[in-house]
Amino acid sequence: MAIMEEKKIIIFTGPSLPPKDAQKVLKADYRGPVGRDDIITALKDKTDIIGIIDGVFHQQPAVSHKELLKALKSGVIIVGGASMGALRASELDDFGMIGVGKVYEAYKNGDIESDDDVAVAFNPDTMEQLSEALVNITYNFQKAYIKGLICKSELEILLKIAKSIYYPKRTYKQIINNSNINFQKKTSLETFLEKEAKDIKREDALLVLKCIKNIIKYGI
């Protein structure tokens, strides 16, 4: 029986799925949110598979298309989803980068276009998320509308307020407090978010790990 060669896997993640949680799903070399030249460093470490979940956006230069293309051309498998990974996968899937999840599909379809849609503030030491991603906010407010907790005009107001708030300060509480929705509806909405809100970025991050596990097991 042939012995399967162990693959070197590097995954860049952060607030979407902290490394301590990710390690329980897939053993890999976990690094912080990807930034400029981090892929070049990963290539020097002779990696076989790179997973990109989170990345830096505004605080320092983002991961470039050029370095990702270099990795793809060298034969490295790159899987992206959830946040920066979803954005870059939507731009480079024609060149071989693999994209997974709802956020990737939203970028690919043009439903979202900006990095602001996935950007959040977080504690760099603990990876604790300090604000809410616009993609999560939009998804959960739309679910509240479908459930009849808010009407169409209230949904539009809430989303407009959410987009107007600078991403580090974007929270459900801030958005709801800034709206003119009546007290009863605010209370119902807050209860819904507390009990039923989904974190689609985290779900997509887990899909990145699942995709890599399947590649290891079955190949592409």
C-alpha atoms as a PDB file:
ATOM      1  CA  MET A   1       0.000   0.000   0.000  1.00  0.00           C
ATOM      2  CA  ALA A   2       1.385   3.409  -1.007  1.00  0.00           C
ATOM      3  CA  ILE A   3       2.020   5.863   1.809  1.00  0.00           C
ATOM      4  CA  MET A   4       0.352   9.220   1.182  1.00  0.00           C
ATOM      5  CA  GLU A   5       2.848  12.064   1.350  1.00  0.00           C
ATOM      6  CA  GLU A   6       2.015  14.554   4.094  1.00  0.00           C
ATOM      7  CA  LYS A   7       1.133  17.978   2.753  1.00  0.00           C
ATOM      8  CA  LYS A   8       2.447  21.251   4.111  1.00  0.00           C
ATOM      9  CA  ILE A   9      -0.611  23.415   4.778  1.00  0.00           C
ATOM     10  CA  ILE A  10      -0.528  27.089   5.713  1.00  0.00           C
ATOM     11  CA  ILE A  11      -3.767  28.863   6.589  1.00  0.00           C
ATOM     12  CA  PHE A  12      -4.182  32.586   7.155  1.00  0.00           C
ATOM     13  CA  THR A  13      -7.048  33.285   9.511  1.00  0.00           C
ATOM     14  CA  GLY A  14      -8.128  35.616  12.304  1.00  0.00           C
ATOM     15  CA  PRO A  15     -11.447  36.897  13.663  1.00  0.00           C
ATOM     16  CA  SER A  16     -13.562  34.866  11.214  1.00  0.00           C
ATOM     17  CA  LEU A  17     -12.217  31.653  12.733  1.00  0.00           C
ATOM     18  CA  PRO A  18      -9.520  31.967  15.427  1.00  0.00           C
ATOM     19  CA  PRO A  19      -6.632  29.494  15.057  1.00  0.00           C
ATOM     20  CA  LYS A  20      -7.475  27.741  18.342  1.00  0.00           C
ATOM     21  CA  ASP A  21     -10.889  26.829  16.895  1.00  0.00           C
ATOM     22  CA  ALA A  22      -9.526  25.998  13.449  1.00  0.00           C
ATOM     23  CA  GLN A  23      -6.910  23.581  14.823  1.00  0.00           C
ATOM     24  CA  LYS A  24      -9.751  21.419  16.171  1.00  0.00           C
ATOM     25  CA  VAL A  25     -10.972  20.939  12.600  1.00  0.00           C
ATOM     26  CA  LEU A  26      -7.733  20.714  10.622  1.00  0.00           C
ATOM     27  CA  LYS A  27      -4.128  20.445  11.770  1.00  0.00           C
ATOM     28  CA  ALA A  28      -2.104  23.053   9.892  1.00  0.00           C
ATOM     29  CA  ASP A  29       0.352  25.913  10.203  1.00  0.00           C
ATOM     30  CA  TYR A  30      -2.002  28.740  11.206  1.00  0.00           C
ATOM     31  CA  ARG A  31      -0.883  32.316  10.702  1.00  0.00           C
ATOM     32  CA  GLY A  32      -2.598  35.657  11.236  1.00  0.00           C
ATOM     33  CA  PRO A  33      -4.573  37.590   8.617  1.00  0.00           C
ATOM     34  CA  VAL A  34      -2.662  37.595   5.341  1.00  0.00           C
ATOM     35  CA  GLY A  35      -0.938  40.776   4.192  1.00  0.00           C
ATOM     36  CA  ARG A  36       1.421  41.904   1.452  1.00  0.00           C
ATOM     37  CA  ASP A  37       4.323  39.471   0.820  1.00  0.00           C
ATOM     38  CA  ASP A  38       3.024  36.847   3.264  1.00  0.00           C
ATOM     39  CA  ILE A  39       2.395  34.474   0.351  1.00  0.00           C
ATOM     40  CA  ILE A  40       6.007  34.931  -0.797  1.00  0.00           C
ATOM     41  CA  THR A  41       7.122  33.920   2.692  1.00  0.00           C
ATOM     42  CA  ALA A  42       4.810  30.899   2.558  1.00  0.00           C
ATOM     43  CA  LEU A  43       6.404  29.838  -0.742  1.00  0.00           C
ATOM     44  CA  LYS A  44       9.827  29.955   0.883  1.00  0.00           C
ATOM     45  CA  ASP A  45       8.440  27.579   3.509  1.00  0.00           C
ATOM     46  CA  LYS A  46       7.690  25.114   0.683  1.00  0.00           C
ATOM     47  CA  THR A  47       3.975  24.903   1.273  1.00  0.00           C
ATOM     48  CA  ASP A  48       1.693  22.673  -0.799  1.00  0.00           C
ATOM     49  CA  ILE A  49      -1.689  24.159   0.123  1.00  0.00           C
ATOM     50  CA  ILE A  50      -2.584  27.675   1.243  1.00  0.00           C
ATOM     51  CA  GLY A  51      -5.913  28.566   2.807  1.00  0.00           C
ATOM     52  CA  ILE A  52      -6.868  32.237   2.932  1.00  0.00           C
ATOM     53  CA  ILE A  53      -9.663  33.251   5.271  1.00  0.00           C
ATOM     54  CA  ASP A  54      -8.815  36.625   6.801  1.00  0.00           C
ATOM     55  CA  GLY A  55      -6.520  39.351   5.556  1.00  0.00           C
ATOM     56  CA  VAL A  56      -5.522  42.894   6.396  1.00  0.00           C
ATOM     57  CA  PHE A  57      -7.331  45.655   4.528  1.00  0.00           C
ATOM     58  CA  HIS A  58      -6.746  49.157   5.772  1.00  0.00           C
ATOM     59  CA  GLN A  59      -4.053  49.017   8.439  1.00  0.00           C
ATOM     60  CA  GLN A  60      -1.341  47.748   6.052  1.00  0.00           C
ATOM     61  CA  PRO A  61      -1.028  46.684   2.392  1.00  0.00           C
ATOM     62  CA  ALA A  62      -3.310  43.821   1.389  1.00  0.00           C
ATOM     63  CA  VAL A  63      -2.134  40.570  -0.184  1.00  0.00           C
ATOM     64  CA  SER A  64      -1.432  41.243  -3.858  1.00  0.00           C
ATOM     65  CA  HIS A  65      -2.753  39.435  -6.915  1.00  0.00           C
ATOM     66  CA  LYS A  66       0.816  39.132  -8.203  1.00  0.00           C
ATOM     67  CA  GLU A  67       2.045  37.035  -5.281  1.00  0.00           C
ATOM     68  CA  LEU A  68      -1.032  34.800  -5.399  1.00  0.00           C
ATOM     69  CA  LEU A  69      -0.544  34.250  -9.137  1.00  0.00           C
ATOM     70  CA  LYS A  70       3.100  33.380  -8.511  1.00  0.00           C
ATOM     71  CA  ALA A  71       2.040  30.760  -5.973  1.00  0.00           C
ATOM     72  CA  LEU A  72      -0.579  29.305  -8.319  1.00  0.00           C
ATOM     73  CA  LYS A  73       1.912  29.129 -11.195  1.00  0.00           C
ATOM     74  CA  SER A  74       4.360  27.283  -8.941  1.00  0.00           C
ATOM     75  CA  GLY A  75       1.741  24.580  -8.332  1.00  0.00           C
ATOM     76  CA  VAL A  76       0.514  25.598  -4.877  1.00  0.00           C
ATOM     77  CA  ILE A  77      -3.184  24.963  -4.279  1.00  0.00           C
ATOM     78  CA  ILE A  78      -4.916  28.058  -2.864  1.00  0.00           C
ATOM     79  CA  VAL A  79      -8.394  27.962  -1.301  1.00  0.00           C
ATOM     80  CA  GLY A  80     -10.176  31.141  -0.226  1.00  0.00           C
ATOM     81  CA  GLY A  81     -13.400  32.031   1.520  1.00  0.00           C
ATOM     82  CA  ALA A  82     -15.144  34.053   4.243  1.00  0.00           C
ATOM     83  CA  SER A  83     -13.311  37.383   4.012  1.00  0.00           C
ATOM     84  CA  MET A  84     -10.181  38.441   2.106  1.00  0.00           C
ATOM     85  CA  GLY A  85     -10.006  34.853   0.872  1.00  0.00           C
ATOM     86  CA  ALA A  86     -13.444  35.180  -0.711  1.00  0.00           C
ATOM     87  CA  LEU A  87     -12.591  38.500  -2.353  1.00  0.00           C
ATOM     88  CA  ARG A  88      -9.313  37.298  -3.872  1.00  0.00           C
ATOM     89  CA  ALA A  89     -10.857  33.976  -4.958  1.00  0.00           C
ATOM     90  CA  SER A  90     -13.616  35.817  -6.836  1.00  0.00           C
ATOM     91  CA  GLU A  91     -10.916  37.757  -8.683  1.00  0.00           C
ATOM     92  CA  LEU A  92      -8.536  34.869  -9.352  1.00  0.00           C
ATOM     93  CA  ASP A  93     -10.672  31.742  -9.733  1.00  0.00           C
ATOM     94  CA  ASP A  94     -10.140  31.889 -13.516  1.00  0.00           C
ATOM     95  CA  PHE A  95      -6.434  31.437 -12.755  1.00  0.00           C
ATOM     96  CA  GLY A  96      -6.941  28.428 -10.493  1.00  0.00           C
ATOM     97  CA  MET A  97      -7.684  29.798  -7.041  1.00  0.00           C
ATOM     98  CA  ILE A  98     -10.546  27.894  -5.410  1.00  0.00           C
ATOM     99  CA  GLY A  99     -13.374  29.875  -3.815  1.00  0.00           C
ATOM    100  CA  VAL A 100     -15.984  28.506  -1.425  1.00  0.00           C
ATOM    101  CA  GLY A 101     -18.961  29.789   0.555  1.00  0.00           C
ATOM    102  CA  LYS A 102     -21.685  32.407   0.535  1.00  0.00           C
ATOM    103  CA  VAL A 103     -19.345  35.411   0.698  1.00  0.00           C
ATOM    104  CA  TYR A 104     -17.316  34.159  -2.263  1.00  0.00           C
ATOM    105  CA  GLU A 105     -20.520  33.667  -4.267  1.00  0.00           C
ATOM    106  CA  ALA A 106     -21.703  37.168  -3.327  1.00  0.00           C
ATOM    107  CA  TYR A 107     -18.465  38.696  -4.624  1.00  0.00           C
ATOM    108  CA  LYS A 108     -18.555  36.526  -7.731  1.00  0.00           C
ATOM    109  CA  ASN A 109     -22.155  37.495  -8.516  1.00  0.00           C
ATOM    110  CA  GLY A 110     -21.508  41.172  -7.895  1.00  0.00           C
ATOM    111  CA  ASP A 111     -23.916  41.332  -4.951  1.00  0.00           C
ATOM    112  CA  ILE A 112     -21.050  42.835  -2.952  1.00  0.00           C
ATOM    113  CA  GLU A 113     -17.938  44.540  -4.302  1.00  0.00           C
ATOM    114  CA  SER A 114     -16.054  46.312  -1.527  1.00  0.00           C
ATOM    115  CA  ASP A 115     -13.668  45.046   1.139  1.00  0.00           C
ATOM    116  CA  ASP A 116     -15.812  47.111   3.519  1.00  0.00           C
ATOM    117  CA  ASP A 117     -18.446  44.378   3.282  1.00  0.00           C
ATOM    118  CA  VAL A 118     -16.231  41.929   5.194  1.00  0.00           C
ATOM    119  CA  ALA A 119     -13.949  44.229   7.204  1.00  0.00           C
ATOM    120  CA  VAL A 120     -14.107  44.105  11.014  1.00  0.00           C
ATOM    121  CA  ALA A 121     -12.103  45.447  13.943  1.00  0.00           C
ATOM    122  CA  PHE A 122     -10.501  42.827  16.184  1.00  0.00           C
ATOM    123  CA  ASN A 123      -8.095  42.355  19.057  1.00  0.00           C
ATOM    124  CA  PRO A 124      -4.798  41.250  17.443  1.00  0.00           C
ATOM    125  CA  ASP A 125      -3.756  39.319  20.550  1.00  0.00           C
ATOM    126  CA  THR A 126      -6.918  37.248  21.019  1.00  0.00           C
ATOM    127  CA  MET A 127      -8.517  37.571  17.543  1.00  0.00           C
ATOM    128  CA  GLU A 128     -11.722  38.596  19.338  1.00  0.00           C
ATOM    129  CA  GLN A 129     -14.017  40.386  16.906  1.00  0.00           C
ATOM    130  CA  LEU A 130     -14.927  43.903  18.063  1.00  0.00           C
ATOM    131  CA  SER A 131     -17.331  44.912  15.291  1.00  0.00           C
ATOM    132  CA  GLU A 132     -19.742  43.136  12.948  1.00  0.00           C
ATOM    133  CA  ALA A 133     -19.178  42.432   9.267  1.00  0.00           C
ATOM    134  CA  LEU A 134     -21.600  44.051   6.856  1.00  0.00           C
ATOM    135  CA  VAL A 135     -22.174  40.715   5.088  1.00  0.00           C
ATOM    136  CA  ASN A 136     -23.404  39.207   8.368  1.00  0.00           C
ATOM    137  CA  ILE A 137     -25.530  42.255   9.150  1.00  0.00           C
ATOM    138  CA  THR A 138     -27.159  42.217   5.733  1.00  0.00           C
ATOM    139  CA  TYR A 139     -27.841  38.481   5.886  1.00  0.00           C
ATOM    140  CA  ASN A 140     -29.408  38.605   9.345  1.00  0.00           C
ATOM    141  CA  PHE A 141     -31.495  41.738   8.761  1.00  0.00           C
ATOM    142  CA  GLN A 142     -32.845  40.151   5.591  1.00  0.00           C
ATOM    143  CA  LYS A 143     -33.771  37.054   7.601  1.00  0.00           C
ATOM    144  CA  ALA A 144     -35.556  39.281  10.126  1.00  0.00           C
ATOM    145  CA  TYR A 145     -37.498  40.853   7.253  1.00  0.00           C
ATOM    146  CA  ILE A 146     -38.459  37.425   5.888  1.00  0.00           C
ATOM    147  CA  LYS A 147     -39.699  36.440   9.356  1.00  0.00           C
ATOM    148  CA  GLY A 148     -41.861  39.572   9.437  1.00  0.00           C
ATOM    149  CA  LEU A 149     -40.037  41.258  12.305  1.00  0.00           C
ATOM    150  CA  ILE A 150     -39.412  44.374  10.205  1.00  0.00           C
ATOM    151  CA  CYS A 151     -40.982  45.752   7.039  1.00  0.00           C
ATOM    152  CA  LYS A 152     -39.238  46.463   3.738  1.00  0.00           C
ATOM    153  CA  SER A 153     -38.704  50.164   4.442  1.00  0.00           C
ATOM    154  CA  GLU A 154     -37.266  49.376   7.889  1.00  0.00           C
ATOM    155  CA  LEU A 155     -34.891  46.852   6.337  1.00  0.00           C
ATOM    156  CA  GLU A 156     -33.695  49.506   3.896  1.00  0.00           C
ATOM    157  CA  ILE A 157     -33.224  52.029   6.715  1.00  0.00           C
ATOM    158  CA  LEU A 158     -31.220  49.583   8.820  1.00  0.00           C
ATOM    159  CA  LEU A 159     -28.944  48.634   5.910  1.00  0.00           C
ATOM    160  CA  LYS A 160     -28.408  52.270   4.993  1.00  0.00           C
ATOM    161  CA  ILE A 161     -27.408  53.062   8.583  1.00  0.00           C
ATOM    162  CA  ALA A 162     -25.113  50.019   8.694  1.00  0.00           C
ATOM    163  CA  LYS A 163     -23.279  51.100   5.536  1.00  0.00           C
ATOM    164  CA  SER A 164     -22.871  54.642   6.855  1.00  0.00           C
ATOM    165  CA  ILE A 165     -21.041  53.522  10.006  1.00  0.00           C
ATOM    166  CA  TYR A 166     -17.252  53.169   9.776  1.00  0.00           C
ATOM    167  CA  TYR A 167     -16.459  49.444   9.996  1.00  0.00           C
ATOM    168  CA  PRO A 168     -14.618  49.426  13.377  1.00  0.00           C
ATOM    169  CA  LYS A 169     -17.715  50.885  15.040  1.00  0.00           C
ATOM    170  CA  ARG A 170     -20.288  48.836  13.133  1.00  0.00           C
ATOM    171  CA  THR A 171     -22.339  46.792  15.603  1.00  0.00           C
ATOM    172  CA  TYR A 172     -25.944  45.652  15.738  1.00  0.00           C
ATOM    173  CA  LYS A 173     -26.549  47.776  18.822  1.00  0.00           C
ATOM    174  CA  GLN A 174     -25.184  50.898  17.146  1.00  0.00           C
ATOM    175  CA  ILE A 175     -27.308  50.352  14.027  1.00  0.00           C
ATOM    176  CA  ILE A 176     -30.546  49.628  15.873  1.00  0.00           C
ATOM    177  CA  ASN A 177     -30.084  52.524  18.302  1.00  0.00           C
ATOM    178  CA  ASN A 178     -29.541  54.915  15.386  1.00  0.00           C
ATOM    179  CA  SER A 179     -32.763  53.843  13.665  1.00  0.00           C
ATOM    180  CA  ASN A 180     -36.260  55.239  14.164  1.00  0.00           C
ATOM    181  CA  ILE A 181     -37.872  51.800  14.440  1.00  0.00           C
ATOM    182  CA  ASN A 182     -40.376  51.615  17.286  1.00  0.00           C
ATOM    183  CA  PHE A 183     -39.349  50.160  20.639  1.00  0.00           C
ATOM    184  CA  GLN A 184     -41.327  46.919  20.300  1.00  0.00           C
ATOM    185  CA  LYS A 185     -39.759  46.098  16.936  1.00  0.00           C
ATOM    186  CA  LYS A 186     -36.299  46.986  18.212  1.00  0.00           C
ATOM    187  CA  THR A 187     -36.776  44.585  21.116  1.00  0.00           C
ATOM    188  CA  SER A 188     -38.005  41.798  18.816  1.00  0.00           C
ATOM    189  CA  LEU A 189     -35.104  42.381  16.442  1.00  0.00           C
ATOM    190  CA  GLU A 190     -32.549  42.318  19.261  1.00  0.00           C
ATOM    191  CA  THR A 191     -34.021  39.052  20.584  1.00  0.00           C
ATOM    192  CA  PHE A 192     -33.892  37.519  17.104  1.00  0.00           C
ATOM    193  CA  LEU A 193     -30.260  38.534  16.624  1.00  0.00           C
ATOM    194  CA  GLU A 194     -29.288  37.197  20.047  1.00  0.00           C
ATOM    195  CA  LYS A 195     -30.912  33.795  19.465  1.00  0.00           C
ATOM    196  CA  GLU A 196     -30.872  33.203  15.710  1.00  0.00           C
ATOM    197  CA  ALA A 197     -28.252  35.382  14.011  1.00  0.00           C
ATOM    198  CA  LYS A 198     -25.818  33.485  11.811  1.00  0.00           C
ATOM    199  CA  ASP A 199     -22.139  34.224  11.321  1.00  0.00           C
ATOM    200  CA  ILE A 200     -21.767  33.410   7.634  1.00  0.00           C
ATOM    201  CA  LYS A 201     -18.107  34.414   7.634  1.00  0.00           C
ATOM    202  CA  ARG A 202     -17.370  31.751  10.251  1.00  0.00           C
ATOM    203  CA  GLU A 203     -19.454  29.197   8.363  1.00  0.00           C
ATOM    204  CA  ASP A 204     -17.518  29.976   5.188  1.00  0.00           C
ATOM    205  CA  ALA A 205     -14.200  29.747   7.045  1.00  0.00           C
ATOM    206  CA  LEU A 206     -15.124  26.229   8.122  1.00  0.00           C
ATOM    207  CA  LEU A 207     -15.910  25.435   4.476  1.00  0.00           C
ATOM    208  CA  VAL A 208     -12.359  26.474   3.556  1.00  0.00           C
ATOM    209  CA  LEU A 209     -11.025  23.897   6.022  1.00  0.00           C
ATOM    210  CA  LYS A 210     -13.469  21.264   4.763  1.00  0.00           C
ATOM    211  CA  CYS A 211     -12.420  21.934   1.167  1.00  0.00           C
ATOM    212  CA  ILE A 212      -8.737  21.524   2.063  1.00  0.00           C
ATOM    213  CA  LYS A 213      -9.472  18.288   3.930  1.00  0.00           C
ATOM    214  CA  ASN A 214     -11.265  16.963   0.853  1.00  0.00           C
ATOM    215  CA  ILE A 215      -8.363  17.967  -1.397  1.00  0.00           C
ATOM    216  CA  ILE A 216      -5.958  16.106   0.867  1.00  0.00           C
ATOM    217  CA  LYS A 217      -8.196  13.030   0.857  1.00  0.00           C
ATOM    218  CA  TYR A 218      -9.435  12.972  -2.731  1.00  0.00           C
ATOM    219  CA  GLY A 219      -7.290  15.438  -4.691  1.00  0.00           C
ATOM    220  CA  ILE A 220      -8.674  18.097  -7.032  1.00  0.00           C
END
